[in-house]
Amino acid sequence: MKQIGIIGSGAMGSGIAQVAATAGHQVFVYDTNKAALDKAKINLETTLKKLVEKQKHTDETASEIFQRTHFISDIKEFKNCGLVIEAIVENLEIKQKLFIELETIVSEDCILASNTSSLSITSIASACKDPKRVIGIHFFNPAPVMPLVEIIPALTTAPNITEKTKKLIDTWGKVTVLTKDTPGFIVNRVARSYYGEAIRIYEEGIADFVTIDWAMKTFGEFKMGPFELMDFIGNDINYKVTESVWEQFFYEPRFKPSLTQKRLYEAKWYGRKTGRGYYNYAEGAFIPEPDKDEVTGRYIFKRILVMLINEAIDSLYLKIASKDDLDLAITKGVNYPKGLLKWADDLGLQSVLDTLNELYIEYAEDRYRPSVLLKQMLREGKTFY
């Protein structure tokens, strides 16, 4: 594992490369786009200078990290790598072709990993002659800052590869969680409700964007409201992940995208990076004020929260991950104030079920059906903690 390969020199690939180089590895960043590679090299140098200014690194350490990072345009330089992580476009066919090519270059012992946020690791691995060495290593953006990494073994991944990968990423100073190879894994599955139910509340005319954001920050103590967060992530990314998770779950109603989300995507109102999203980021643009009605605010907060909790409970019911890993992923991956299963206990499981049942009766939609595990636990008088 002395040499690590990274495919893709965009924000995610460059961020992973910085993490690996900081951990002491020789890192080879590959991209077919020479201009992108040059930009990534300049960005790394700039980032390291800022870290020195903030006294996070010494000049010597920053120089060593930079010297350990090699920007390459020949994929064959991966031949001595012990691990290769791809961080390219979310397209299954393109990833499969890439992994087929990698197998002709790297050694038999090299682990092949995907940083995909929503595609099946098993599907990617199926293109390989040796699918046992293929695994998912999902970092969150920005990779040097966000502590969580989801480790996703495919159906075909050898147990020793899973163990070896998890131990390695732990040494990089990351918080790792194990998750089944299901659409969205933990975070991008459970967090769909934070966005989807917020948009639904807006579409019903209950509140506008700024009021919904205010409610979640005021009553739930979330760092960012759902619309602020979608604009920060990018509405192109958020919409495509939502669509992917929905399709891969055979059009499960809980993950159904909204027309509001689709229209912003079509208009290329991607958020902060384009200057327009749910909010207008142009200089001098009007900034609306929220309607700070407490009754409405608490209704919005509880409605979104119980949807999040229900998805976390269902993930536990379907054994997507352990209880501890589910709550850890949510607090470390999307910075929620507390784990959703812990929140369920604090709110009261009966209160969660009552709210879901009210919504289910009102709308007669399967998106509001309570998890079987929630009902079972209430019958048995159990709590999560």
Protein backbone atom coordinates (compact mmCIF):
# COMPACT_ATOMS: atom_id res chain seq x y z
CA MET A 1 0.00 0.00 0.00
CA LYS A 2 2.97 2.35 -0.40
CA GLN A 3 1.56 3.57 -3.70
CA ILE A 4 -2.05 4.70 -4.14
CA GLY A 5 -3.69 5.50 -7.46
CA ILE A 6 -6.49 8.05 -7.87
CA ILE A 7 -8.49 8.33 -11.08
CA GLY A 8 -10.05 11.74 -11.59
CA SER A 9 -8.47 15.08 -10.68
CA GLY A 10 -11.68 16.92 -9.85
CA ALA A 11 -12.59 18.14 -6.37
CA MET A 12 -13.28 14.65 -5.03
CA GLY A 13 -10.29 12.89 -6.62
CA SER A 14 -7.91 15.67 -5.59
CA GLY A 15 -9.29 15.65 -2.07
CA ILE A 16 -8.81 11.90 -1.68
CA ALA A 17 -5.28 12.25 -3.07
CA GLN A 18 -4.48 14.91 -0.46
CA VAL A 19 -5.74 12.64 2.33
CA ALA A 20 -3.66 9.68 1.11
CA ALA A 21 -0.51 11.78 0.60
CA THR A 22 -0.92 13.33 4.06
CA ALA A 23 -1.07 9.77 5.45
CA GLY A 24 2.38 9.13 3.93
CA HIS A 25 1.61 7.33 0.66
CA GLN A 26 3.08 8.02 -2.74
CA VAL A 27 -0.06 9.08 -4.64
CA PHE A 28 -0.54 9.02 -8.40
CA VAL A 29 -3.42 11.17 -9.67
CA TYR A 30 -4.49 10.26 -13.20
CA ASP A 31 -6.73 12.20 -15.56
CA THR A 32 -7.17 12.22 -19.35
CA ASN A 33 -7.64 15.99 -19.21
CA LYS A 34 -4.23 17.69 -19.02
CA ALA A 35 -5.75 21.08 -18.12
CA ALA A 36 -7.65 19.48 -15.23
CA LEU A 37 -4.46 17.86 -13.97
CA ASP A 38 -2.57 21.15 -14.10
CA LYS A 39 -5.39 22.88 -12.24
CA ALA A 40 -5.44 20.14 -9.58
CA LYS A 41 -1.69 20.55 -9.04
CA ILE A 42 -2.02 24.32 -8.60
CA ASN A 43 -5.00 23.86 -6.27
CA LEU A 44 -3.10 21.40 -4.08
CA GLU A 45 -0.16 23.80 -3.78
CA THR A 46 -2.54 26.65 -2.87
CA THR A 47 -4.40 24.50 -0.32
CA LEU A 48 -1.18 23.41 1.37
CA LYS A 49 0.03 27.01 1.60
CA LYS A 50 -3.23 27.97 3.33
CA LEU A 51 -2.84 25.07 5.78
CA VAL A 52 0.66 26.31 6.61
CA GLU A 53 -0.70 29.84 7.17
CA LYS A 54 -3.33 28.39 9.51
CA GLN A 55 -0.56 26.45 11.28
CA LYS A 56 -2.20 23.13 10.42
CA HIS A 57 1.04 22.03 8.69
CA THR A 58 4.67 23.11 8.82
CA ASP A 59 6.40 24.20 5.61
CA GLU A 60 8.34 20.94 5.66
CA THR A 61 5.24 18.76 6.03
CA ALA A 62 3.38 20.62 3.28
CA SER A 63 6.38 20.23 0.97
CA GLU A 64 6.54 16.49 1.66
CA ILE A 65 2.82 16.06 0.93
CA PHE A 66 3.21 17.93 -2.34
CA GLN A 67 6.28 15.92 -3.34
CA ARG A 68 4.43 12.65 -2.63
CA THR A 69 1.62 13.63 -5.01
CA HIS A 70 2.28 12.84 -8.67
CA PHE A 71 -0.01 14.06 -11.44
CA ILE A 72 0.09 11.64 -14.35
CA SER A 73 -1.44 11.31 -17.82
CA ASP A 74 -0.42 7.68 -18.38
CA ILE A 75 -2.63 5.16 -16.57
CA LYS A 76 0.09 2.51 -16.86
CA GLU A 77 1.95 4.27 -14.02
CA PHE A 78 -0.53 2.53 -11.70
CA LYS A 79 1.31 -0.77 -12.22
CA ASN A 80 2.87 -0.80 -8.71
CA CYS A 81 -0.14 0.57 -6.81
CA GLY A 82 -1.64 -1.47 -3.98
CA LEU A 83 -4.95 0.41 -4.18
CA VAL A 84 -6.63 2.38 -6.96
CA ILE A 85 -9.67 4.57 -6.24
CA GLU A 86 -11.75 5.95 -9.09
CA ALA A 87 -13.58 9.23 -8.61
CA ILE A 88 -15.01 9.91 -12.06
CA VAL A 89 -18.44 10.52 -13.59
CA GLU A 90 -21.40 8.59 -12.13
CA ASN A 91 -21.91 6.34 -15.15
CA LEU A 92 -21.91 2.58 -14.70
CA GLU A 93 -20.74 1.71 -18.22
CA ILE A 94 -17.80 4.12 -18.06
CA LYS A 95 -16.74 2.80 -14.67
CA GLN A 96 -16.96 -0.82 -15.85
CA LYS A 97 -14.76 -0.08 -18.89
CA LEU A 98 -12.25 1.64 -16.62
CA PHE A 99 -12.04 -1.34 -14.25
CA ILE A 100 -11.58 -3.75 -17.16
CA GLU A 101 -8.62 -1.64 -18.30
CA LEU A 102 -7.19 -1.42 -14.78
CA GLU A 103 -7.06 -5.21 -14.49
CA THR A 104 -4.63 -5.31 -17.41
CA ILE A 105 -2.28 -2.85 -15.67
CA VAL A 106 -2.19 -3.48 -11.92
CA SER A 107 -0.93 -6.53 -10.02
CA GLU A 108 -3.23 -9.34 -8.88
CA ASP A 109 -2.99 -8.05 -5.30
CA CYS A 110 -4.12 -4.51 -6.10
CA ILE A 111 -7.47 -3.50 -4.61
CA LEU A 112 -9.79 -1.72 -7.05
CA ALA A 113 -12.18 0.75 -5.43
CA SER A 114 -14.97 3.07 -6.52
CA ASN A 115 -15.91 6.33 -4.82
CA THR A 116 -19.42 6.16 -6.31
CA SER A 117 -22.14 7.71 -4.18
CA SER A 118 -25.09 5.78 -5.59
CA LEU A 119 -24.13 3.09 -8.12
CA SER A 120 -23.95 -0.62 -7.33
CA ILE A 121 -20.47 -1.85 -6.40
CA THR A 122 -21.56 -5.36 -7.42
CA SER A 123 -22.46 -4.08 -10.89
CA ILE A 124 -19.07 -2.39 -11.25
CA ALA A 125 -17.29 -5.53 -10.02
CA SER A 126 -19.23 -7.77 -12.43
CA ALA A 127 -17.15 -6.43 -15.35
CA CYS A 128 -13.91 -7.68 -13.75
CA LYS A 129 -12.20 -11.03 -14.12
CA ASP A 130 -11.50 -10.94 -10.38
CA PRO A 131 -14.50 -9.25 -8.71
CA LYS A 132 -13.30 -10.37 -5.27
CA ARG A 133 -10.90 -7.42 -5.06
CA VAL A 134 -13.44 -4.72 -5.96
CA ILE A 135 -14.92 -2.59 -3.17
CA GLY A 136 -16.63 0.75 -2.58
CA ILE A 137 -14.80 3.48 -0.64
CA HIS A 138 -17.16 6.44 -0.50
CA PHE A 139 -15.65 9.71 0.73
CA PHE A 140 -17.69 12.86 1.32
CA ASN A 141 -16.83 16.24 -0.17
CA PRO A 142 -14.50 17.90 0.75
CA ALA A 143 -12.59 14.68 1.45
CA PRO A 144 -9.80 16.27 3.55
CA VAL A 145 -12.39 17.85 5.87
CA MET A 146 -15.30 15.40 6.10
CA PRO A 147 -14.46 12.60 8.55
CA LEU A 148 -16.82 9.87 7.28
CA VAL A 149 -15.98 7.17 4.74
CA GLU A 150 -18.48 4.46 3.83
CA ILE A 151 -16.90 1.06 3.12
CA ILE A 152 -19.10 -0.96 0.76
CA PRO A 153 -18.23 -4.56 -0.06
CA ALA A 154 -19.88 -5.90 -3.20
CA LEU A 155 -21.69 -9.22 -3.07
CA THR A 156 -18.50 -10.70 -4.56
CA THR A 157 -15.91 -8.86 -2.43
CA ALA A 158 -13.61 -11.15 -0.45
CA PRO A 159 -13.90 -10.64 3.36
CA ASN A 160 -10.15 -10.06 3.72
CA ILE A 161 -10.35 -7.22 1.16
CA THR A 162 -13.11 -5.54 3.20
CA GLU A 163 -11.09 -5.89 6.40
CA LYS A 164 -7.86 -4.69 4.78
CA THR A 165 -9.56 -1.68 3.18
CA LYS A 166 -11.32 -0.60 6.38
CA LYS A 167 -8.07 -0.82 8.38
CA LEU A 168 -6.22 1.23 5.78
CA ILE A 169 -8.80 4.06 5.67
CA ASP A 170 -8.86 4.07 9.49
CA THR A 171 -5.12 4.82 9.43
CA TRP A 172 -5.88 7.86 7.26
CA GLY A 173 -7.67 9.38 10.26
CA LYS A 174 -11.15 8.77 8.87
CA VAL A 175 -14.28 7.45 10.59
CA THR A 176 -15.33 4.34 8.66
CA VAL A 177 -18.71 2.60 8.60
CA LEU A 178 -19.63 -0.65 6.90
CA THR A 179 -22.73 -0.71 4.73
CA LYS A 180 -24.47 -3.14 2.42
CA ASP A 181 -24.29 -2.55 -1.31
CA THR A 182 -27.70 -0.91 -1.63
CA PRO A 183 -28.65 2.28 -3.55
CA GLY A 184 -27.32 5.35 -1.75
CA PHE A 185 -25.62 3.18 0.89
CA ILE A 186 -26.32 4.80 4.31
CA VAL A 187 -26.09 8.57 4.00
CA ASN A 188 -27.44 9.14 0.50
CA ARG A 189 -30.31 6.77 1.22
CA VAL A 190 -31.39 8.09 4.63
CA ALA A 191 -30.82 11.78 3.80
CA ARG A 192 -33.15 11.70 0.77
CA SER A 193 -36.02 12.60 3.11
CA TYR A 194 -34.30 15.78 4.28
CA TYR A 195 -34.55 17.11 0.75
CA GLY A 196 -37.59 15.29 -0.59
CA GLU A 197 -40.00 16.08 2.23
CA ALA A 198 -38.83 19.70 2.39
CA ILE A 199 -39.60 20.11 -1.32
CA ARG A 200 -42.97 18.41 -0.81
CA ILE A 201 -43.85 20.87 1.96
CA TYR A 202 -42.89 23.76 -0.36
CA GLU A 203 -44.92 22.34 -3.27
CA GLU A 204 -47.99 22.10 -1.03
CA GLY A 205 -47.67 25.82 -0.27
CA ILE A 206 -47.17 25.30 3.45
CA ALA A 207 -43.98 27.38 3.52
CA ASP A 208 -41.33 28.87 1.25
CA PHE A 209 -37.68 27.83 1.02
CA VAL A 210 -36.35 30.26 3.60
CA THR A 211 -39.05 29.41 6.15
CA ILE A 212 -38.41 25.67 5.83
CA ASP A 213 -34.68 26.26 6.24
CA TRP A 214 -35.36 28.46 9.27
CA ALA A 215 -37.56 25.78 10.86
CA MET A 216 -34.96 23.03 10.53
CA LYS A 217 -32.17 25.23 11.91
CA THR A 218 -34.26 26.70 14.73
CA PHE A 219 -36.14 23.67 16.03
CA GLY A 220 -33.81 20.89 14.86
CA GLU A 221 -30.48 22.71 15.26
CA PHE A 222 -29.35 21.56 11.82
CA LYS A 223 -26.31 23.48 10.58
CA MET A 224 -27.95 24.12 7.18
CA GLY A 225 -31.55 23.97 6.03
CA PRO A 226 -32.44 21.55 3.19
CA PHE A 227 -32.58 24.20 0.46
CA GLU A 228 -29.34 25.86 1.58
CA LEU A 229 -27.71 22.44 1.63
CA MET A 230 -28.99 21.44 -1.81
CA ASP A 231 -27.64 24.70 -3.25
CA PHE A 232 -24.31 24.02 -1.52
CA ILE A 233 -24.06 20.42 -2.78
CA GLY A 234 -25.25 21.34 -6.26
CA ASN A 235 -28.77 20.70 -7.55
CA ASP A 236 -27.35 18.81 -10.52
CA ILE A 237 -25.67 16.31 -8.19
CA ASN A 238 -28.55 16.16 -5.73
CA TYR A 239 -31.17 15.58 -8.42
CA LYS A 240 -29.15 12.87 -10.18
CA VAL A 241 -28.47 11.00 -6.92
CA THR A 242 -32.17 11.19 -6.02
CA GLU A 243 -33.15 9.90 -9.45
CA SER A 244 -30.56 7.11 -9.29
CA VAL A 245 -31.63 5.92 -5.82
CA TRP A 246 -35.31 6.03 -6.82
CA GLU A 247 -34.76 4.01 -10.01
CA GLN A 248 -32.50 1.46 -8.32
CA PHE A 249 -35.08 0.88 -5.59
CA PHE A 250 -37.60 -0.06 -8.31
CA TYR A 251 -39.38 3.30 -8.02
CA GLU A 252 -39.94 3.19 -4.28
CA PRO A 253 -42.27 6.17 -3.46
CA ARG A 254 -40.13 7.33 -0.51
CA PHE A 255 -37.34 8.29 -2.90
CA LYS A 256 -39.41 9.79 -5.71
CA PRO A 257 -37.83 12.97 -7.18
CA SER A 258 -39.93 16.12 -7.47
CA LEU A 259 -40.79 18.28 -10.45
CA THR A 260 -39.42 21.29 -8.57
CA GLN A 261 -36.04 19.58 -8.34
CA LYS A 262 -36.16 18.54 -12.00
CA ARG A 263 -37.04 22.03 -13.23
CA LEU A 264 -34.07 23.56 -11.38
CA TYR A 265 -31.85 20.90 -12.94
CA GLU A 266 -33.24 21.66 -16.41
CA ALA A 267 -32.73 25.39 -15.90
CA LYS A 268 -29.14 24.70 -14.79
CA TRP A 269 -29.85 26.47 -11.51
CA TYR A 270 -27.39 24.26 -9.69
CA GLY A 271 -26.93 26.47 -6.66
CA ARG A 272 -23.92 28.38 -5.39
CA LYS A 273 -21.61 27.25 -8.18
CA THR A 274 -23.89 28.75 -10.87
CA GLY A 275 -25.06 31.75 -8.84
CA ARG A 276 -28.68 30.61 -8.79
CA GLY A 277 -30.53 27.71 -7.20
CA TYR A 278 -33.33 27.75 -4.69
CA TYR A 279 -31.78 31.07 -3.74
CA ASN A 280 -30.29 33.84 -5.87
CA TYR A 281 -26.58 34.32 -5.08
CA ALA A 282 -26.02 37.31 -7.36
CA GLU A 283 -24.51 40.39 -5.74
CA GLY A 284 -27.26 42.62 -4.38
CA ALA A 285 -29.98 39.96 -4.86
CA PHE A 286 -33.03 40.15 -2.61
CA ILE A 287 -32.72 37.93 0.48
CA PRO A 288 -36.19 36.91 1.72
CA GLU A 289 -37.11 36.77 5.40
CA PRO A 290 -38.65 33.61 6.90
CA ASP A 291 -42.15 33.52 8.35
CA LYS A 292 -41.23 32.76 11.96
CA ASP A 293 -44.55 31.26 12.98
CA GLU A 294 -43.71 28.74 15.70
CA VAL A 295 -46.64 26.39 15.04
CA THR A 296 -45.79 26.10 11.34
CA GLY A 297 -42.09 25.84 12.08
CA ARG A 298 -42.52 22.98 14.54
CA TYR A 299 -44.84 21.17 12.12
CA ILE A 300 -42.24 21.41 9.33
CA PHE A 301 -39.44 20.24 11.60
CA LYS A 302 -41.31 17.22 12.98
CA ARG A 303 -42.65 16.15 9.59
CA ILE A 304 -39.18 16.09 8.02
CA LEU A 305 -37.59 14.56 11.12
CA VAL A 306 -39.96 11.59 11.36
CA MET A 307 -39.38 10.84 7.68
CA LEU A 308 -35.62 10.78 8.33
CA ILE A 309 -36.07 8.63 11.41
CA ASN A 310 -38.35 6.19 9.57
CA GLU A 311 -35.74 5.71 6.83
CA ALA A 312 -33.00 5.10 9.40
CA ILE A 313 -35.18 2.56 11.21
CA ASP A 314 -36.01 0.81 7.95
CA SER A 315 -32.30 0.68 7.08
CA LEU A 316 -31.68 -1.09 10.38
CA TYR A 317 -34.64 -3.42 9.74
CA LEU A 318 -33.18 -4.38 6.34
CA LYS A 319 -29.70 -4.79 7.90
CA ILE A 320 -28.10 -2.16 5.68
CA ALA A 321 -25.77 -1.34 8.57
CA SER A 322 -25.48 -1.72 12.32
CA LYS A 323 -27.27 0.63 14.72
CA ASP A 324 -24.02 2.31 15.72
CA ASP A 325 -22.83 2.72 12.12
CA LEU A 326 -26.17 4.18 11.04
CA ASP A 327 -26.07 6.91 13.67
CA LEU A 328 -22.34 7.48 13.18
CA ALA A 329 -22.80 7.90 9.42
CA ILE A 330 -25.49 10.53 9.87
CA THR A 331 -23.60 12.61 12.44
CA LYS A 332 -20.22 12.37 10.68
CA GLY A 333 -21.39 12.26 7.05
CA VAL A 334 -24.01 15.01 6.93
CA ASN A 335 -23.34 16.64 10.30
CA TYR A 336 -26.81 16.12 11.80
CA PRO A 337 -27.07 17.25 15.44
CA LYS A 338 -27.58 13.67 16.63
CA GLY A 339 -28.03 10.15 15.30
CA LEU A 340 -31.53 9.47 13.99
CA LEU A 341 -32.06 6.30 16.04
CA LYS A 342 -31.01 8.20 19.17
CA TRP A 343 -33.36 10.99 18.08
CA ALA A 344 -36.17 8.45 17.72
CA ASP A 345 -35.73 7.43 21.35
CA ASP A 346 -35.63 11.06 22.50
CA LEU A 347 -38.74 11.99 20.53
CA GLY A 348 -40.52 8.80 21.56
CA LEU A 349 -41.24 5.93 19.20
CA GLN A 350 -44.99 6.34 19.72
CA SER A 351 -44.81 9.98 18.68
CA VAL A 352 -42.87 9.00 15.54
CA LEU A 353 -45.43 6.32 14.64
CA ASP A 354 -48.41 8.61 15.36
CA THR A 355 -47.05 11.35 13.09
CA LEU A 356 -46.31 8.88 10.27
CA ASN A 357 -49.78 7.35 10.58
CA GLU A 358 -51.39 10.81 10.42
CA LEU A 359 -49.48 11.58 7.23
CA TYR A 360 -50.26 8.14 5.78
CA ILE A 361 -53.99 8.56 6.42
CA GLU A 362 -54.00 12.14 5.09
CA TYR A 363 -52.13 11.48 1.86
CA ALA A 364 -52.82 7.76 1.29
CA GLU A 365 -49.29 7.43 -0.13
CA ASP A 366 -46.74 4.70 0.54
CA ARG A 367 -44.02 7.30 1.09
CA TYR A 368 -45.44 7.71 4.62
CA ARG A 369 -45.80 4.03 5.57
CA PRO A 370 -44.10 3.32 8.92
CA SER A 371 -41.26 0.82 9.06
CA VAL A 372 -42.18 -2.65 10.26
CA LEU A 373 -39.37 -2.47 12.82
CA LEU A 374 -40.86 0.70 14.36
CA LYS A 375 -44.17 -1.06 14.93
CA GLN A 376 -42.50 -4.22 16.24
CA MET A 377 -40.38 -2.29 18.75
CA LEU A 378 -43.39 -0.42 20.08
CA ARG A 379 -45.30 -3.70 20.57
CA GLU A 380 -42.34 -5.16 22.44
CA GLY A 381 -41.73 -1.99 24.48
CA LYS A 382 -38.16 -1.61 23.16
CA THR A 383 -35.98 1.41 22.42
CA PHE A 384 -32.82 1.68 20.34
CA TYR A 385 -30.60 2.70 23.25
